[in-house]
């Protein structure tokens, strides 16, 4: 019998020294990989490139991770090497989704062509803007438009009266504005967000159900975890994002949540989006987070389940299908 090989996993992320030990989802993923006996390698976006043959390369640091708040990682001596030597790469770089992020997806596609499993698929990271992608499932979404034109955005406000305006590339609730009634700030908010009509933004009907939480539903290969995290806005806030001061409440999925997940799931699977976070307010899908979804730790703690282990069971299946013997 052919001996089972050790799987090599690379992770691309923001500086590991700066993560939040109590909450970080990527750290839970790395623990799950370590528990499987996999070799771990760490790098950051600026360390990646293409060589003279068009092959993906990077400066990789051997990585060890620990469940110790005072000592959660150790890095070995870095080596410049081909990404083809890895079996799987986790792309966990947080937004903003800028031109450097796009360049990184090109490099990761070269690794993918060489037989590396990239989670999530680089082309889909590029194609599936987290706000615009949701509009492909209009049956799940609240009334909304995407436009850079002030007159269109003002007409939308005139129809719905109470709306949210937000950029298409933000994260953590940044630069999100609620406009109600005859708000005299409407014009200046539109000018600022659209950069005077040169940049499209999203206008969305305000959903008062936000008081009950902006729900994060985690999807693994198109299937939902049966529990979500309702992120409750802080007092006086209209944003439930934890980064904006919201508090998290784990809870089971509702029938409507499950329906939304079922509507979206097949498209995620088809696009190679293995780990995704759906954002749902009340009965409506508002965003599909594909870059570096979070809230895994909070949901896992709330129901004593190991979501990271479930994710890696799926990754192992995909590696086995590729002949990797994971």
Protein backbone atom coordinates (compact mmCIF):
# COMPACT_ATOMS: atom_id res chain seq x y z
CA UNK A 1 0.00 0.00 0.00
CA UNK A 2 1.26 3.45 -0.94
CA UNK A 3 2.10 5.41 2.23
CA UNK A 4 -0.18 8.31 3.01
CA UNK A 5 1.55 11.60 2.33
CA UNK A 6 1.51 14.63 4.60
CA UNK A 7 -0.75 17.33 3.23
CA UNK A 8 0.83 20.76 2.93
CA UNK A 9 -1.47 23.71 3.55
CA UNK A 10 -0.62 27.32 2.87
CA UNK A 11 -2.57 30.25 4.28
CA UNK A 12 -2.57 33.79 2.89
CA UNK A 13 -3.79 36.22 5.51
CA UNK A 14 -3.23 39.53 7.24
CA UNK A 15 -0.43 39.60 9.86
CA UNK A 16 -1.01 36.62 12.14
CA UNK A 17 0.46 38.52 15.08
CA UNK A 18 -2.43 40.99 14.95
CA UNK A 19 -5.41 38.62 14.91
CA UNK A 20 -7.99 38.41 17.70
CA UNK A 21 -7.23 35.13 19.47
CA UNK A 22 -10.74 34.79 20.92
CA UNK A 23 -12.63 35.35 17.68
CA UNK A 24 -10.45 34.72 14.64
CA UNK A 25 -11.94 32.24 12.18
CA UNK A 26 -8.70 31.62 10.26
CA UNK A 27 -7.00 30.50 13.46
CA UNK A 28 -9.74 27.90 14.03
CA UNK A 29 -9.16 26.63 10.48
CA UNK A 30 -5.43 26.30 11.14
CA UNK A 31 -6.10 24.40 14.37
CA UNK A 32 -8.32 21.99 12.43
CA UNK A 33 -5.58 21.42 9.84
CA UNK A 34 -2.98 20.91 12.56
CA UNK A 35 -5.23 18.36 14.28
CA UNK A 36 -5.16 16.40 11.01
CA UNK A 37 -1.37 16.35 11.10
CA UNK A 38 -0.98 18.63 8.09
CA UNK A 39 2.07 20.82 7.52
CA UNK A 40 1.23 24.51 7.70
CA UNK A 41 2.81 27.41 5.84
CA UNK A 42 2.07 31.10 6.29
CA UNK A 43 2.47 34.04 3.96
CA UNK A 44 1.05 37.45 3.21
CA UNK A 45 -0.21 38.85 -0.05
CA UNK A 46 2.90 40.94 -0.84
CA UNK A 47 5.11 37.81 -0.70
CA UNK A 48 3.54 36.18 -3.76
CA UNK A 49 4.51 36.37 -7.42
CA UNK A 50 5.06 34.58 -10.73
CA UNK A 51 8.43 33.28 -11.94
CA UNK A 52 9.92 33.36 -15.44
CA UNK A 53 7.84 30.32 -16.42
CA UNK A 54 4.60 31.85 -15.19
CA UNK A 55 4.50 29.58 -12.14
CA UNK A 56 3.16 30.82 -8.81
CA UNK A 57 5.86 31.35 -6.19
CA UNK A 58 6.07 32.89 -2.78
CA UNK A 59 8.02 33.35 0.41
CA UNK A 60 6.51 30.80 2.79
CA UNK A 61 7.05 30.51 6.52
CA UNK A 62 6.66 27.12 8.22
CA UNK A 63 3.90 27.68 10.76
CA UNK A 64 2.89 26.10 14.04
CA UNK A 65 -0.32 27.10 15.82
CA UNK A 66 -1.36 26.58 19.44
CA UNK A 67 -4.50 26.97 21.52
CA UNK A 68 -2.73 29.36 23.85
CA UNK A 69 -3.83 33.00 24.09
CA UNK A 70 -0.31 34.10 25.00
CA UNK A 71 1.47 32.03 22.36
CA UNK A 72 -0.77 31.08 19.44
CA UNK A 73 1.82 30.76 16.68
CA UNK A 74 5.46 30.22 15.79
CA UNK A 75 7.04 30.92 12.41
CA UNK A 76 10.04 29.06 11.04
CA UNK A 77 12.67 30.34 8.63
CA UNK A 78 11.09 31.51 5.37
CA UNK A 79 11.90 29.92 2.04
CA UNK A 80 11.14 31.16 -1.46
CA UNK A 81 9.43 28.29 -3.24
CA UNK A 82 6.82 27.22 -5.76
CA UNK A 83 3.23 27.24 -4.55
CA UNK A 84 2.86 24.03 -6.56
CA UNK A 85 4.54 22.28 -3.62
CA UNK A 86 1.41 22.94 -1.55
CA UNK A 87 -1.71 20.77 -1.71
CA UNK A 88 -4.22 23.36 -0.56
CA UNK A 89 -4.18 27.14 -0.08
CA UNK A 90 -6.57 29.08 2.11
CA UNK A 91 -7.06 32.60 0.76
CA UNK A 92 -8.00 34.47 3.93
CA UNK A 93 -6.89 38.02 3.17
CA UNK A 94 -9.48 40.45 4.53
CA UNK A 95 -10.97 43.16 2.32
CA UNK A 96 -10.63 45.80 1.00
CA UNK A 97 -11.03 44.13 -2.34
CA UNK A 98 -8.52 46.31 -4.15
CA UNK A 99 -6.29 45.89 -7.20
CA UNK A 100 -3.68 44.00 -5.13
CA UNK A 101 -6.34 41.48 -4.17
CA UNK A 102 -7.14 41.04 -7.87
CA UNK A 103 -3.46 40.49 -8.69
CA UNK A 104 -3.28 37.86 -5.95
CA UNK A 105 -6.15 35.95 -7.55
CA UNK A 106 -4.19 35.83 -10.83
CA UNK A 107 -1.22 34.32 -9.00
CA UNK A 108 -3.46 31.83 -7.21
CA UNK A 109 -5.00 30.78 -10.53
CA UNK A 110 -1.50 29.78 -11.66
CA UNK A 111 -1.21 27.62 -8.53
CA UNK A 112 -4.66 26.19 -9.22
CA UNK A 113 -3.65 25.22 -12.77
CA UNK A 114 -0.68 23.39 -11.24
CA UNK A 115 -3.02 21.21 -9.18
CA UNK A 116 -3.37 23.12 -5.91
CA UNK A 117 -6.83 23.33 -4.31
CA UNK A 118 -7.48 27.02 -3.56
CA UNK A 119 -10.22 27.85 -1.05
CA UNK A 120 -12.08 29.82 -2.34
CA UNK A 121 -11.63 29.55 -6.13
CA UNK A 122 -9.65 32.61 -7.30
CA UNK A 123 -11.86 33.40 -10.30
CA UNK A 124 -14.94 33.39 -8.08
CA UNK A 125 -13.25 35.68 -5.56
CA UNK A 126 -12.84 38.13 -8.42
CA UNK A 127 -16.25 37.64 -9.99
CA UNK A 128 -18.48 37.57 -6.93
CA UNK A 129 -18.51 41.01 -5.35
CA UNK A 130 -20.00 40.48 -1.93
CA UNK A 131 -22.82 42.98 -2.41
CA UNK A 132 -23.47 42.72 -6.15
CA UNK A 133 -23.35 38.89 -6.18
CA UNK A 134 -26.39 38.84 -3.89
CA UNK A 135 -28.42 40.60 -6.58
CA UNK A 136 -28.26 37.43 -8.68
CA UNK A 137 -30.76 36.06 -6.17
CA UNK A 138 -33.30 38.88 -6.45
CA UNK A 139 -36.03 36.60 -5.07
CA UNK A 140 -34.11 36.63 -1.76
CA UNK A 141 -33.19 40.33 -1.59
CA UNK A 142 -34.94 43.48 -0.38
CA UNK A 143 -35.63 46.28 -2.90
CA UNK A 144 -32.28 47.74 -3.99
CA UNK A 145 -30.43 49.37 -6.83
CA UNK A 146 -26.77 49.78 -7.82
CA UNK A 147 -25.97 53.13 -9.40
CA UNK A 148 -23.55 56.04 -9.48
CA UNK A 149 -26.24 58.46 -10.69
CA UNK A 150 -27.57 60.89 -8.08
CA UNK A 151 -31.01 61.15 -9.70
CA UNK A 152 -31.52 57.37 -9.61
CA UNK A 153 -30.43 57.14 -5.99
CA UNK A 154 -32.67 60.07 -5.03
CA UNK A 155 -35.64 58.52 -6.85
CA UNK A 156 -35.05 55.31 -4.91
CA UNK A 157 -35.03 57.29 -1.67
CA UNK A 158 -38.21 59.13 -2.67
CA UNK A 159 -39.96 55.79 -3.21
CA UNK A 160 -38.79 53.94 -0.10
CA UNK A 161 -38.22 56.90 2.28
CA UNK A 162 -35.94 54.98 4.65
CA UNK A 163 -32.86 53.55 2.94
CA UNK A 164 -29.29 52.37 3.40
CA UNK A 165 -26.50 53.66 1.15
CA UNK A 166 -23.23 51.72 1.08
CA UNK A 167 -20.09 51.29 -1.03
CA UNK A 168 -19.63 48.06 -2.96
CA UNK A 169 -16.19 47.33 -1.54
CA UNK A 170 -16.56 48.02 2.18
CA UNK A 171 -16.35 45.62 5.11
CA UNK A 172 -17.22 45.58 8.78
CA UNK A 173 -20.01 48.11 8.33
CA UNK A 174 -17.69 50.88 7.16
CA UNK A 175 -19.16 53.88 5.27
CA UNK A 176 -22.76 52.66 5.59
CA UNK A 177 -25.32 55.45 5.87
CA UNK A 178 -29.00 55.34 6.81
CA UNK A 179 -31.06 58.09 5.19
CA UNK A 180 -34.59 58.74 6.43
CA UNK A 181 -37.39 61.13 5.49
CA UNK A 182 -36.22 64.48 4.12
CA UNK A 183 -32.65 64.06 5.30
CA UNK A 184 -30.71 67.14 4.21
CA UNK A 185 -27.53 65.06 4.06
CA UNK A 186 -28.77 62.90 1.17
CA UNK A 187 -26.99 64.86 -1.57
CA UNK A 188 -23.66 65.09 0.22
CA UNK A 189 -23.72 61.39 1.19
CA UNK A 190 -24.38 60.43 -2.43
CA UNK A 191 -21.63 62.77 -3.65
CA UNK A 192 -19.17 61.35 -1.13
CA UNK A 193 -19.92 57.65 -1.69
CA UNK A 194 -20.14 57.90 -5.48
CA UNK A 195 -17.13 60.23 -5.67
CA UNK A 196 -19.28 62.77 -7.52
CA UNK A 197 -21.02 60.27 -9.75
CA UNK A 198 -17.98 58.27 -10.84
CA UNK A 199 -18.35 55.19 -8.60
CA UNK A 200 -21.41 52.92 -8.28
CA UNK A 201 -22.86 52.25 -4.83
CA UNK A 202 -25.80 50.27 -3.49
CA UNK A 203 -29.05 51.75 -2.22
CA UNK A 204 -31.19 49.31 -0.26
CA UNK A 205 -34.48 49.61 1.55
CA UNK A 206 -33.89 49.90 5.28
CA UNK A 207 -34.99 46.75 7.10
CA UNK A 208 -36.27 47.47 10.62
CA UNK A 209 -35.71 43.79 11.46
CA UNK A 210 -32.05 44.77 11.95
CA UNK A 211 -32.99 45.31 15.60
CA UNK A 212 -33.25 41.50 15.84
CA UNK A 213 -29.83 41.07 14.26
CA UNK A 214 -27.93 40.92 11.01
CA UNK A 215 -27.66 37.13 10.72
CA UNK A 216 -24.47 35.47 9.51
CA UNK A 217 -25.17 32.05 7.98
CA UNK A 218 -22.09 29.95 7.21
CA UNK A 219 -22.12 27.76 4.09
CA UNK A 220 -19.76 24.84 3.48
CA UNK A 221 -19.70 23.69 -0.15
CA UNK A 222 -23.22 25.03 -0.66
CA UNK A 223 -24.74 23.57 2.51
CA UNK A 224 -25.65 25.72 5.53
CA UNK A 225 -24.54 25.17 9.09
CA UNK A 226 -27.93 24.81 10.91
CA UNK A 227 -27.09 27.68 13.28
CA UNK A 228 -26.26 31.32 12.60
CA UNK A 229 -25.00 34.34 14.51
CA UNK A 230 -27.44 37.22 14.91
CA UNK A 231 -25.31 40.36 15.22
CA UNK A 232 -27.35 42.85 17.25
CA UNK A 233 -26.64 46.56 16.70
CA UNK A 234 -25.34 48.61 19.59
CA UNK A 235 -27.70 51.22 21.02
CA UNK A 236 -28.28 54.01 18.51
CA UNK A 237 -26.71 52.03 15.67
CA UNK A 238 -28.24 50.72 12.43
CA UNK A 239 -25.32 48.34 11.76
CA UNK A 240 -25.08 44.91 13.33
CA UNK A 241 -21.47 44.24 12.32
CA UNK A 242 -19.33 43.11 15.25
CA UNK A 243 -16.64 45.48 13.97
CA UNK A 244 -19.14 48.32 14.41
CA UNK A 245 -19.87 47.44 18.04
CA UNK A 246 -22.62 44.87 17.54
CA UNK A 247 -23.03 41.88 19.85
CA UNK A 248 -23.44 38.29 18.71
CA UNK A 249 -26.28 35.89 19.57
CA UNK A 250 -26.06 32.32 18.19
CA UNK A 251 -29.43 30.92 17.12
CA UNK A 252 -30.92 28.20 14.88
CA UNK A 253 -31.76 28.96 11.28
CA UNK A 254 -35.37 29.88 10.58
CA UNK A 255 -37.35 28.29 7.76
CA UNK A 256 -36.75 31.43 5.68
CA UNK A 257 -33.02 31.34 6.43
CA UNK A 258 -32.92 27.72 5.25
CA UNK A 259 -34.84 28.65 2.09
CA UNK A 260 -32.39 31.42 1.26
CA UNK A 261 -29.46 29.06 1.83
CA UNK A 262 -31.07 26.50 -0.48
CA UNK A 263 -31.57 29.15 -3.18
CA UNK A 264 -27.96 30.28 -3.06
CA UNK A 265 -26.17 27.02 -2.26
CA UNK A 266 -26.01 25.41 -5.74
CA UNK A 267 -24.44 28.53 -7.25
CA UNK A 268 -21.77 28.58 -4.52
CA UNK A 269 -20.92 24.94 -5.14
CA UNK A 270 -20.75 25.49 -8.91
CA UNK A 271 -18.34 28.41 -8.47
CA UNK A 272 -15.96 26.61 -6.10
CA UNK A 273 -16.95 28.83 -3.18
CA UNK A 274 -16.37 26.29 -0.43
CA UNK A 275 -16.60 28.56 2.63
CA UNK A 276 -19.05 31.45 2.45
CA UNK A 277 -21.02 33.68 4.81
CA UNK A 278 -24.53 34.81 3.93
CA UNK A 279 -25.81 37.99 5.59
CA UNK A 280 -29.57 37.98 6.22
CA UNK A 281 -31.68 40.68 7.86
CA UNK A 282 -35.19 39.54 8.71
CA UNK A 283 -36.34 37.61 5.64
CA UNK A 284 -33.87 39.11 3.17
CA UNK A 285 -30.42 38.30 1.85
CA UNK A 286 -28.21 41.42 1.93
CA UNK A 287 -24.67 40.18 1.19
CA UNK A 288 -22.72 37.05 0.23
CA UNK A 289 -19.29 37.12 1.87
CA UNK A 290 -16.77 35.10 -0.15
CA UNK A 291 -13.38 36.61 0.73
CA UNK A 292 -12.78 35.79 4.41
CA UNK A 293 -16.06 35.00 6.19
CA UNK A 294 -16.00 35.19 9.98
CA UNK A 295 -18.22 34.27 12.97
CA UNK A 296 -17.22 30.58 12.93
CA UNK A 297 -15.89 30.72 16.49
CA UNK A 298 -18.98 32.39 17.95
CA UNK A 299 -21.39 29.90 16.36
CA UNK A 300 -19.19 26.93 17.30
CA UNK A 301 -19.09 28.04 20.94
CA UNK A 302 -22.83 28.69 21.05
CA UNK A 303 -23.73 25.14 20.07
CA UNK A 304 -20.60 23.17 20.98
CA UNK A 305 -19.96 22.15 17.38
CA UNK A 306 -16.70 22.10 15.44
CA UNK A 307 -17.47 23.95 12.22
CA UNK A 308 -13.81 24.12 11.24
CA UNK A 309 -13.59 20.31 11.40
CA UNK A 310 -16.68 20.09 9.18
CA UNK A 311 -15.03 22.42 6.68
CA UNK A 312 -11.88 20.35 6.62
CA UNK A 313 -13.83 17.14 6.13
CA UNK A 314 -15.07 18.67 2.88
CA UNK A 315 -11.60 19.91 1.92
CA UNK A 316 -10.24 16.40 2.52
CA UNK A 317 -12.91 14.92 0.26
CA UNK A 318 -11.93 17.32 -2.51
CA UNK A 319 -8.23 16.57 -2.06
CA UNK A 320 -8.92 12.83 -2.15
CA UNK A 321 -10.87 13.32 -5.38
CA UNK A 322 -7.75 15.04 -6.77
CA UNK A 323 -5.61 12.02 -5.75
CA UNK A 324 -3.98 13.80 -2.82
CA UNK A 325 -4.72 11.08 -0.18
CA UNK A 326 -5.70 13.55 2.50
